[in-house]
Amino acid sequence: MIYLYLDRNTIKLLYLKKTMLGQQETLYHQKTYESDLIDKGKIINIDLLASAIKEVVSSSNRPVSDNQISLILPQEFFSFFRTTVPSDIAISALNSFIADKARSILPIDNTELASDYFVQESEQEKVVTYFGINQETLLSIKQALTLIDFKIVSVIPDTMAFFKLFEKTLRKEKKETILYTELESNILSGYLFDSCGLIDDKKISIEYSEGDKIADILKTKIAEITTDKKKVNRIIISGEKSDTIRQDTFTKSVGVWTNPLKRIVPTFYEDYLKMLVPKDGKAFPILTYDVCFGAFILSEENKSFSLLKKNNLYRNKVSLPKIGMPKKEVFLFVGSFVISFLLFVLISKFGSNFKMPNFMAKKNVVVVTPTLAPPTPTPTPNFKKEEVKIKVLNGSGVKGKATEVKDILRKKGYVEILTDNADNFDYVVTEIQVKSDKKQLGDMVKDDLKDYIAAPKITILDDKEASDLVLIFGADFK
């Protein structure tokens, strides 16, 4: 498995390959780029990202034979909220409650998110933490990885990975606020947690120079965070620059109990650490690849959490059994009996005056019905609308038209749709480019858009393209 972390301009890779003895052959590599790869929870350039990932994978000191990726993304990619529910709530009721909560809280329609949640239990209530990532953003990342023959098998918020690194040090009954910080060159960053997980998705980020004292910076920041109802009780400190920090003197300087991650992992996560066998023979650099190591622990301990499964809020929905009406047969029997009894009474009353119609007197007339030729069967498509990848390109130059076309396709059942501008705005006739193995898709889209375009041009799309179909709408699109 490849654990890949994407930061603003840095990519970290942890490659684990399970051995016969249950250990994990371990490769790791990281690279920082001059250009930003992501911005405000969006991919800046798909091709640039694909090229950067390929470079990091190929630059590791040993070949990487796996193509499955557990992708770790910064919290800024995710919609987030926390809520509490009674401890005895049923799963079906919980799913419905979370779905309704997401609709009321989030600024985006929950159906446009790939989402899931995890539950932490206490004595009297359950704490539910929800994460969701925009489907379009997820699709753009998938396309970038498809270009270099990689496949996403899971998507993990970095805050969940960080939480797994100190979760075993927590006691559920103890109420405390923890500041998890990463100390890198010239920047200190972190998030606030409690014993049940993330409590604030706003990232703390502070730039500093070589002459600044980290203890003073943290002391000032903690004073800003502290209010009547909020107090930082503990600091977990990680990052390459945290290796030289002494726990006792740092705690005294900051005024808050400090736990260096380098002491937590060998004590509480020794079993996981022993599983890693770096190919270079060195000790695993936990302070550099903490987020990747946390994602590895998460994948081992929280296998049910997945942002890639659709409709996860309804994953455990209970269906009531269908029970047939038990009186149906009784009604039929009684009805038949009543009709038979009435016929018997009529025959008895009128006697010989009652004549049955003479059906035999009628001539047998044979009606010849012409045999119709069976209709030509339509081949069943080997794909589903919600699974095909469609790219909509604006070839008319009309502003906002691409979004309008995308909404039309969404209403027709298509889900994975990206929009962009065409190479020019001179398209008069709409063009549908479809891969040769999905020709039916071209006819399907043409039929779905018959109210908007009369005679689109259908051509073959290069098999190397990430999309299954490219729709370039022109001036003829109503």
Protein backbone atom coordinates (compact mmCIF):
# COMPACT_ATOMS: atom_id res chain seq x y z
CA MET A 1 0.00 0.00 0.00
CA ILE A 2 1.17 3.54 -0.78
CA TYR A 3 0.34 6.22 1.80
CA LEU A 4 0.61 9.53 -0.04
CA TYR A 5 0.29 12.92 1.67
CA LEU A 6 -0.36 16.04 -0.41
CA ASP A 7 0.45 19.37 1.23
CA ARG A 8 0.54 22.83 -0.33
CA ASN A 9 3.79 22.22 -2.20
CA THR A 10 5.10 19.04 -0.57
CA ILE A 11 4.43 15.36 -1.23
CA LYS A 12 5.31 12.64 1.29
CA LEU A 13 5.29 8.95 0.36
CA LEU A 14 5.28 5.90 2.62
CA TYR A 15 5.25 2.55 0.80
CA LEU A 16 4.51 -0.59 2.83
CA LYS A 17 4.73 -4.11 1.45
CA LYS A 18 3.64 -6.95 3.72
CA THR A 19 6.10 -9.83 4.12
CA MET A 20 5.53 -13.51 4.91
CA LEU A 21 6.34 -12.80 8.57
CA GLY A 22 3.67 -10.12 8.88
CA GLN A 23 6.11 -7.23 8.81
CA GLN A 24 6.07 -4.35 6.34
CA GLU A 25 8.94 -3.63 3.98
CA THR A 26 9.17 0.14 4.17
CA LEU A 27 10.14 2.82 1.65
CA TYR A 28 9.70 6.54 2.17
CA HIS A 29 10.46 9.70 0.25
CA GLN A 30 9.39 13.34 0.19
CA LYS A 31 9.85 16.29 -2.12
CA THR A 32 9.04 20.00 -1.89
CA TYR A 33 8.27 21.96 -5.05
CA GLU A 34 8.61 25.65 -5.83
CA SER A 35 5.09 25.78 -7.31
CA ASP A 36 1.99 25.15 -5.22
CA LEU A 37 0.09 21.94 -5.99
CA ILE A 38 -3.08 22.73 -4.03
CA ASP A 39 -4.86 25.88 -2.91
CA LYS A 40 -7.89 26.27 -0.62
CA GLY A 41 -8.90 22.65 -0.91
CA LYS A 42 -8.59 22.47 -4.70
CA ILE A 43 -6.10 20.95 -7.14
CA ILE A 44 -4.41 23.77 -9.07
CA ASN A 45 -3.36 21.73 -12.10
CA ILE A 46 -4.16 18.05 -12.73
CA ASP A 47 -1.21 17.44 -15.06
CA LEU A 48 1.24 19.16 -12.71
CA LEU A 49 0.02 17.07 -9.78
CA ALA A 50 0.27 13.84 -11.77
CA SER A 51 3.82 14.71 -12.83
CA ALA A 52 4.85 15.57 -9.25
CA ILE A 53 3.44 12.35 -7.80
CA LYS A 54 5.12 10.27 -10.49
CA GLU A 55 8.44 11.97 -9.73
CA VAL A 56 8.17 11.26 -5.99
CA VAL A 57 7.24 7.61 -6.54
CA SER A 58 10.02 7.01 -9.08
CA SER A 59 12.60 8.86 -6.94
CA SER A 60 12.35 6.48 -3.97
CA ASN A 61 15.47 4.42 -3.35
CA ARG A 62 13.71 1.18 -4.35
CA PRO A 63 11.08 0.46 -7.03
CA VAL A 64 7.42 0.75 -5.95
CA SER A 65 5.44 -2.16 -7.40
CA ASP A 66 2.02 -1.28 -5.95
CA ASN A 67 -0.47 1.06 -7.62
CA GLN A 68 -3.04 1.38 -4.81
CA ILE A 69 -2.95 4.64 -2.88
CA SER A 70 -4.33 5.72 0.47
CA LEU A 71 -4.47 9.45 -0.11
CA ILE A 72 -4.00 11.81 2.84
CA LEU A 73 -5.24 15.36 2.30
CA PRO A 74 -5.11 18.53 4.43
CA GLN A 75 -8.22 19.33 6.45
CA GLU A 76 -8.98 22.28 4.13
CA PHE A 77 -10.27 19.77 1.55
CA PHE A 78 -13.04 18.58 3.86
CA SER A 79 -16.37 19.77 5.18
CA PHE A 80 -16.52 19.03 8.91
CA PHE A 81 -18.82 19.09 11.90
CA ARG A 82 -19.24 17.39 15.28
CA THR A 83 -22.39 16.54 17.15
CA THR A 84 -23.56 14.42 20.07
CA VAL A 85 -26.34 11.84 20.21
CA PRO A 86 -27.73 9.57 22.97
CA SER A 87 -25.61 6.49 23.60
CA ASP A 88 -28.53 4.12 22.93
CA ILE A 89 -29.52 5.55 19.53
CA ALA A 90 -30.17 2.96 16.81
CA ILE A 91 -27.89 2.83 13.78
CA SER A 92 -30.72 3.52 11.33
CA ALA A 93 -31.82 6.55 13.34
CA LEU A 94 -28.22 7.75 13.64
CA ASN A 95 -27.69 7.68 9.88
CA SER A 96 -30.86 9.69 9.26
CA PHE A 97 -29.94 12.16 12.00
CA ILE A 98 -26.45 12.76 10.55
CA ALA A 99 -27.86 13.20 7.04
CA ASP A 100 -30.35 15.81 8.30
CA LYS A 101 -27.64 17.51 10.36
CA ALA A 102 -25.36 17.75 7.33
CA ARG A 103 -28.14 19.33 5.27
CA SER A 104 -28.81 21.95 7.94
CA ILE A 105 -25.22 22.83 8.85
CA LEU A 106 -23.09 22.56 5.72
CA PRO A 107 -23.07 25.35 3.13
CA ILE A 108 -22.96 22.76 0.34
CA ASP A 109 -25.52 20.12 -0.59
CA ASN A 110 -24.55 16.89 1.16
CA THR A 111 -25.33 14.91 -2.01
CA GLU A 112 -22.39 16.67 -3.69
CA LEU A 113 -20.00 15.29 -1.06
CA ALA A 114 -18.34 11.93 -0.61
CA SER A 115 -18.82 11.62 3.14
CA ASP A 116 -18.58 9.40 6.18
CA TYR A 117 -18.36 9.72 9.95
CA PHE A 118 -16.91 7.94 12.95
CA VAL A 119 -18.29 7.59 16.45
CA GLN A 120 -16.56 7.84 19.82
CA GLU A 121 -18.57 6.56 22.77
CA SER A 122 -18.63 7.88 26.32
CA GLU A 123 -20.79 6.92 29.30
CA GLN A 124 -23.92 8.92 28.44
CA GLU A 125 -23.56 9.96 24.79
CA LYS A 126 -21.91 9.33 21.46
CA VAL A 127 -19.73 11.93 19.78
CA VAL A 128 -20.07 11.87 15.99
CA THR A 129 -17.42 13.44 13.76
CA TYR A 130 -18.37 14.00 10.12
CA PHE A 131 -16.07 14.51 7.12
CA GLY A 132 -17.04 15.14 3.50
CA ILE A 133 -15.07 15.96 0.35
CA ASN A 134 -16.48 17.55 -2.81
CA GLN A 135 -17.17 14.96 -5.51
CA GLU A 136 -15.67 17.17 -8.24
CA THR A 137 -12.46 17.68 -6.27
CA LEU A 138 -12.24 13.94 -5.68
CA LEU A 139 -12.79 13.28 -9.38
CA SER A 140 -9.99 15.67 -10.38
CA ILE A 141 -7.59 13.85 -8.04
CA LYS A 142 -8.68 10.49 -9.44
CA GLN A 143 -8.03 11.76 -12.95
CA ALA A 144 -4.54 12.93 -12.00
CA LEU A 145 -3.72 9.50 -10.59
CA THR A 146 -5.31 7.71 -13.55
CA LEU A 147 -2.86 9.51 -15.84
CA ILE A 148 0.03 7.72 -14.10
CA ASP A 149 -1.79 4.38 -13.60
CA PHE A 150 -2.55 4.72 -9.89
CA LYS A 151 -5.82 4.03 -8.09
CA ILE A 152 -7.21 5.61 -4.91
CA VAL A 153 -8.50 3.04 -2.42
CA SER A 154 -9.07 5.44 0.49
CA VAL A 155 -9.10 9.16 1.29
CA ILE A 156 -8.01 10.26 4.77
CA PRO A 157 -8.13 13.74 6.38
CA ASP A 158 -4.73 14.56 7.87
CA THR A 159 -6.44 15.51 11.15
CA MET A 160 -7.71 11.94 11.56
CA ALA A 161 -4.18 10.62 10.96
CA PHE A 162 -2.75 13.02 13.56
CA PHE A 163 -5.41 12.01 16.11
CA LYS A 164 -4.52 8.31 15.76
CA LEU A 165 -0.94 9.13 16.83
CA PHE A 166 -1.94 10.06 20.38
CA GLU A 167 -5.42 8.53 20.79
CA LYS A 168 -4.08 5.75 23.02
CA THR A 169 -2.79 8.33 25.51
CA LEU A 170 -6.32 9.65 26.12
CA ARG A 171 -8.96 8.75 28.67
CA LYS A 172 -12.55 9.18 27.52
CA GLU A 173 -13.75 10.31 30.92
CA LYS A 174 -11.12 13.04 31.13
CA LYS A 175 -12.08 16.36 29.53
CA GLU A 176 -9.00 18.02 28.07
CA THR A 177 -8.03 20.09 25.03
CA ILE A 178 -4.93 19.01 23.15
CA LEU A 179 -2.93 21.11 20.70
CA TYR A 180 -1.19 18.90 18.15
CA THR A 181 1.66 20.88 16.58
CA GLU A 182 4.15 20.23 13.82
CA LEU A 183 7.42 22.09 13.98
CA GLU A 184 8.98 22.46 10.53
CA SER A 185 11.53 24.85 9.07
CA ASN A 186 10.23 28.40 9.59
CA ILE A 187 6.64 27.34 10.24
CA LEU A 188 4.65 25.96 13.16
CA SER A 189 1.22 24.49 12.45
CA GLY A 190 -1.40 22.50 14.32
CA TYR A 191 -5.00 21.68 15.24
CA LEU A 192 -7.07 21.47 18.42
CA PHE A 193 -8.41 18.10 19.61
CA ASP A 194 -10.08 16.59 22.65
CA SER A 195 -10.49 12.98 23.80
CA CYS A 196 -13.05 12.31 21.03
CA GLY A 197 -11.20 13.85 18.08
CA LEU A 198 -10.96 17.12 16.18
CA ILE A 199 -12.85 20.04 17.72
CA ASP A 200 -11.85 22.88 15.37
CA ASP A 201 -11.01 22.45 11.68
CA LYS A 202 -9.24 25.83 11.45
CA LYS A 203 -5.53 25.20 11.03
CA ILE A 204 -3.14 27.10 13.27
CA SER A 205 -0.20 28.30 11.19
CA ILE A 206 2.60 30.57 12.44
CA GLU A 207 5.75 31.57 10.57
CA TYR A 208 8.90 32.09 12.60
CA SER A 209 12.57 32.88 12.05
CA GLU A 210 15.67 31.12 13.38
CA GLY A 211 16.10 33.59 16.23
CA ASP A 212 12.60 33.08 17.60
CA LYS A 213 11.99 30.83 20.59
CA ILE A 214 9.37 28.17 19.85
CA ALA A 215 8.30 28.07 23.49
CA ASP A 216 7.52 31.80 23.47
CA ILE A 217 5.57 31.50 20.20
CA LEU A 218 3.44 28.67 21.58
CA LYS A 219 2.92 30.43 24.89
CA THR A 220 1.57 33.49 23.09
CA LYS A 221 -0.70 31.40 20.86
CA ILE A 222 -2.08 29.41 23.78
CA ALA A 223 -2.90 32.66 25.57
CA GLU A 224 -4.93 33.70 22.49
CA ILE A 225 -6.79 30.37 22.46
CA THR A 226 -7.56 30.37 26.18
CA THR A 227 -11.00 31.69 27.10
CA ASP A 228 -13.40 31.17 29.98
CA LYS A 229 -14.65 27.95 28.39
CA LYS A 230 -11.53 26.78 26.54
CA LYS A 231 -8.13 25.94 27.93
CA VAL A 232 -5.26 24.03 26.33
CA ASN A 233 -4.31 21.23 28.72
CA ARG A 234 -1.65 19.46 26.69
CA ILE A 235 0.64 19.91 23.70
CA ILE A 236 1.71 17.09 21.38
CA ILE A 237 4.71 18.26 19.39
CA SER A 238 6.02 16.63 16.22
CA GLY A 239 7.94 17.61 13.09
CA GLU A 240 11.60 17.39 12.18
CA LYS A 241 12.56 20.40 14.31
CA SER A 242 10.98 18.91 17.45
CA ASP A 243 13.68 16.26 17.83
CA THR A 244 15.88 18.47 20.04
CA ILE A 245 13.12 19.63 22.39
CA ARG A 246 13.45 18.58 26.03
CA GLN A 247 10.11 17.74 27.58
CA ASP A 248 10.79 19.11 31.08
CA THR A 249 12.28 22.49 30.17
CA PHE A 250 9.83 23.07 27.30
CA THR A 251 6.83 22.33 29.54
CA LYS A 252 8.13 24.79 32.10
CA SER A 253 8.71 27.51 29.48
CA VAL A 254 5.30 27.17 27.79
CA GLY A 255 3.32 26.55 30.96
CA VAL A 256 1.44 23.61 29.42
CA TRP A 257 2.29 19.93 29.72
CA THR A 258 4.13 18.90 26.54
CA ASN A 259 4.46 15.38 25.07
CA PRO A 260 7.01 14.98 22.24
CA LEU A 261 5.67 12.53 19.65
CA LYS A 262 9.04 10.78 19.58
CA ARG A 263 8.28 9.55 23.14
CA ILE A 264 4.61 8.68 22.56
CA VAL A 265 5.04 6.37 19.56
CA PRO A 266 7.63 3.93 21.04
CA THR A 267 5.54 3.66 24.22
CA PHE A 268 1.98 3.39 22.91
CA TYR A 269 2.46 2.26 19.29
CA GLU A 270 5.45 -0.04 19.61
CA ASP A 271 3.67 -2.94 17.87
CA TYR A 272 3.00 -0.85 14.76
CA LEU A 273 6.50 0.64 14.80
CA LYS A 274 8.08 -2.82 14.96
CA MET A 275 6.13 -3.87 11.88
CA LEU A 276 8.01 -1.33 9.75
CA VAL A 277 11.30 -2.56 8.32
CA PRO A 278 12.98 0.25 6.34
CA LYS A 279 14.95 -1.03 3.35
CA ASP A 280 17.83 1.36 4.09
CA GLY A 281 18.34 -0.24 7.52
CA LYS A 282 17.79 3.04 9.38
CA ALA A 283 15.21 3.81 12.06
CA PHE A 284 11.90 4.96 10.63
CA PRO A 285 11.81 8.81 10.69
CA ILE A 286 8.51 9.13 12.55
CA LEU A 287 8.80 12.90 13.05
CA THR A 288 8.98 13.46 9.27
CA TYR A 289 6.35 10.93 8.20
CA ASP A 290 4.03 11.17 11.22
CA VAL A 291 0.93 11.82 9.10
CA CYS A 292 1.65 8.77 6.90
CA PHE A 293 2.25 6.58 9.96
CA GLY A 294 -0.99 7.82 11.51
CA ALA A 295 -2.86 6.96 8.29
CA PHE A 296 -1.39 3.44 8.45
CA ILE A 297 -2.69 3.01 12.02
CA LEU A 298 -6.09 4.38 10.96
CA SER A 299 -6.34 1.90 8.09
CA GLU A 300 -5.64 -0.95 10.53
CA GLU A 301 -8.01 0.16 13.30
CA ASN A 302 -10.85 1.94 11.47
CA LYS A 303 -11.43 -0.19 8.39
CA SER A 304 -15.10 0.78 8.09
CA PHE A 305 -14.36 4.49 7.57
CA SER A 306 -14.40 5.33 3.87
CA LEU A 307 -15.12 8.47 1.87
CA LEU A 308 -15.21 6.52 -1.39
CA LYS A 309 -18.39 4.53 -0.73
CA LYS A 310 -21.45 6.34 -2.02
CA ASN A 311 -24.37 7.11 0.30
CA ASN A 312 -22.41 6.14 3.39
CA LEU A 313 -24.92 7.93 5.58
CA TYR A 314 -27.34 5.18 4.57
CA ARG A 315 -24.90 2.26 4.73
CA ASN A 316 -26.74 0.54 7.60
CA LYS A 317 -30.24 1.56 6.74
CA VAL A 318 -32.77 -1.01 7.96
CA SER A 319 -35.39 -2.30 5.53
CA LEU A 320 -38.62 -3.62 7.00
CA PRO A 321 -39.68 -7.05 5.68
CA LYS A 322 -42.59 -7.10 3.27
CA ILE A 323 -45.48 -9.11 4.72
CA GLY A 324 -48.28 -10.30 2.44
CA MET A 325 -51.93 -9.75 3.42
CA PRO A 326 -53.06 -12.91 5.26
CA LYS A 327 -56.79 -12.33 4.46
CA LYS A 328 -56.42 -12.23 0.69
CA GLU A 329 -57.02 -15.94 0.17
CA VAL A 330 -60.02 -15.86 2.55
CA PHE A 331 -61.67 -13.05 0.57
CA LEU A 332 -61.21 -14.94 -2.71
CA PHE A 333 -62.72 -18.10 -1.24
CA VAL A 334 -65.75 -16.31 0.26
CA GLY A 335 -66.36 -14.40 -2.99
CA SER A 336 -66.31 -17.59 -5.07
CA PHE A 337 -68.68 -19.28 -2.64
CA VAL A 338 -71.21 -16.41 -2.74
CA ILE A 339 -71.27 -16.32 -6.57
CA SER A 340 -71.72 -20.09 -6.79
CA PHE A 341 -74.56 -19.98 -4.24
CA LEU A 342 -76.42 -17.23 -6.14
CA LEU A 343 -76.20 -19.19 -9.41
CA PHE A 344 -77.56 -22.28 -7.67
CA VAL A 345 -80.53 -20.29 -6.26
CA LEU A 346 -81.38 -18.80 -9.67
CA ILE A 347 -81.35 -22.17 -11.40
CA SER A 348 -83.51 -23.73 -8.65
CA LYS A 349 -86.06 -20.88 -8.75
CA PHE A 350 -86.64 -20.63 -12.49
CA GLY A 351 -86.31 -24.35 -13.21
CA SER A 352 -86.87 -25.27 -16.87
CA ASN A 353 -87.66 -21.66 -17.84
CA PHE A 354 -84.04 -20.88 -17.34
CA LYS A 355 -82.09 -21.58 -20.49
CA MET A 356 -78.38 -21.64 -20.69
CA PRO A 357 -77.02 -19.99 -23.79
CA ASN A 358 -76.20 -22.40 -26.59
CA PHE A 359 -72.55 -21.75 -27.18
CA MET A 360 -72.21 -24.82 -29.39
CA ALA A 361 -74.63 -23.36 -31.96
CA LYS A 362 -72.18 -20.73 -32.88
CA LYS A 363 -69.84 -21.32 -35.71
CA ASN A 364 -66.22 -21.58 -34.92
CA VAL A 365 -64.56 -18.59 -36.49
CA VAL A 366 -60.79 -18.74 -36.68
CA VAL A 367 -59.21 -15.34 -36.51
CA VAL A 368 -55.83 -15.28 -38.17
CA THR A 369 -53.43 -12.91 -36.44
CA PRO A 370 -50.35 -12.00 -38.41
CA THR A 371 -47.09 -12.90 -36.66
CA LEU A 372 -45.05 -9.83 -35.90
CA ALA A 373 -41.31 -9.98 -36.25
CA PRO A 374 -39.61 -9.69 -32.85
CA PRO A 375 -38.01 -6.29 -32.24
CA THR A 376 -34.26 -6.09 -32.58
CA PRO A 377 -32.86 -6.28 -29.04
CA THR A 378 -30.90 -3.29 -27.81
CA PRO A 379 -27.56 -4.34 -26.28
CA THR A 380 -27.38 -3.72 -22.55
CA PRO A 381 -24.68 -1.13 -21.73
CA ASN A 382 -21.75 -2.50 -19.72
CA PHE A 383 -21.58 0.66 -17.65
CA LYS A 384 -23.70 2.77 -15.31
CA LYS A 385 -24.45 6.47 -15.70
CA GLU A 386 -23.18 7.28 -12.23
CA GLU A 387 -19.81 5.64 -12.94
CA VAL A 388 -18.83 7.12 -16.31
CA LYS A 389 -16.46 10.10 -16.35
CA ILE A 390 -17.61 13.07 -18.43
CA LYS A 391 -15.78 16.29 -19.24
CA VAL A 392 -17.87 19.26 -20.41
CA LEU A 393 -15.96 21.88 -22.42
CA ASN A 394 -17.29 25.33 -23.27
CA GLY A 395 -16.90 25.76 -27.03
CA SER A 396 -19.43 28.58 -27.41
CA GLY A 397 -17.88 31.20 -25.15
CA VAL A 398 -21.14 31.79 -23.26
CA LYS A 399 -20.23 32.46 -19.62
CA GLY A 400 -21.78 30.03 -17.14
CA LYS A 401 -23.05 27.73 -19.88
CA ALA A 402 -20.74 24.86 -18.84
CA THR A 403 -22.30 24.80 -15.37
CA GLU A 404 -25.76 24.83 -16.95
CA VAL A 405 -24.90 21.85 -19.16
CA LYS A 406 -23.40 20.05 -16.17
CA ASP A 407 -26.63 20.53 -14.21
CA ILE A 408 -28.63 19.12 -17.13
CA LEU A 409 -26.45 16.00 -17.20
CA ARG A 410 -26.69 15.67 -13.41
CA LYS A 411 -30.48 15.59 -13.67
CA LYS A 412 -30.15 12.82 -16.25
CA GLY A 413 -28.24 10.66 -13.74
CA TYR A 414 -24.59 11.36 -14.55
CA VAL A 415 -22.41 12.07 -11.51
CA GLU A 416 -18.71 12.35 -12.32
CA ILE A 417 -18.59 15.52 -14.41
CA LEU A 418 -15.79 18.07 -14.82
CA THR A 419 -16.09 21.42 -16.60
CA ASP A 420 -13.52 23.54 -18.43
CA ASN A 421 -13.08 25.74 -21.50
CA ALA A 422 -12.47 24.28 -24.95
CA ASP A 423 -9.34 25.20 -26.93
CA ASN A 424 -11.42 27.89 -28.66
CA PHE A 425 -14.94 29.36 -28.63
CA ASP A 426 -15.65 28.89 -32.35
CA TYR A 427 -17.60 25.63 -32.14
CA VAL A 428 -20.82 25.95 -34.14
CA VAL A 429 -21.92 22.31 -33.83
CA THR A 430 -21.75 20.46 -30.52
CA GLU A 431 -19.25 17.60 -30.56
CA ILE A 432 -19.44 14.39 -28.53
CA GLN A 433 -16.15 12.50 -28.23
CA VAL A 434 -16.52 9.01 -26.77
CA LYS A 435 -14.12 6.11 -26.29
CA SER A 436 -14.46 3.23 -28.73
CA ASP A 437 -15.40 0.71 -26.03
CA LYS A 438 -18.27 2.94 -24.85
CA LYS A 439 -19.95 3.90 -28.14
CA GLN A 440 -23.35 3.34 -26.54
CA LEU A 441 -22.51 6.12 -24.10
CA GLY A 442 -22.35 8.59 -26.99
CA ASP A 443 -25.82 7.60 -28.19
CA MET A 444 -27.10 7.69 -24.61
CA VAL A 445 -25.85 11.24 -24.02
CA LYS A 446 -27.15 12.32 -27.44
CA ASP A 447 -30.60 10.98 -26.54
CA ASP A 448 -30.52 12.61 -23.09
CA LEU A 449 -29.71 15.97 -24.69
CA LYS A 450 -32.17 15.74 -27.60
CA ASP A 451 -34.13 18.70 -26.23
CA TYR A 452 -31.03 20.89 -26.42
CA ILE A 453 -29.12 19.76 -29.52
CA ALA A 454 -30.52 18.44 -32.79
CA ALA A 455 -27.58 16.80 -34.56
CA PRO A 456 -24.33 16.71 -32.58
CA LYS A 457 -21.15 15.41 -34.15
CA ILE A 458 -19.97 12.12 -32.60
CA THR A 459 -16.28 11.19 -32.85
CA ILE A 460 -13.88 8.74 -31.22
CA LEU A 461 -12.03 9.82 -28.07
CA ASP A 462 -8.43 8.75 -27.50
CA ASP A 463 -8.27 5.76 -25.12
CA LYS A 464 -5.49 7.48 -23.16
CA GLU A 465 -7.88 10.22 -21.99
CA ALA A 466 -8.98 10.01 -18.36
CA SER A 467 -12.59 10.80 -19.27
CA ASP A 468 -14.93 8.32 -20.95
CA LEU A 469 -16.71 11.07 -22.87
CA VAL A 470 -15.91 14.68 -23.73
CA LEU A 471 -18.82 16.99 -24.60
CA ILE A 472 -17.80 20.21 -26.39
CA PHE A 473 -20.96 22.27 -26.68
CA GLY A 474 -21.18 24.85 -29.44
CA ALA A 475 -23.47 27.64 -30.56
CA ASP A 476 -26.20 25.13 -31.47
CA PHE A 477 -26.72 24.09 -27.84
CA LYS A 478 -30.02 25.67 -26.75
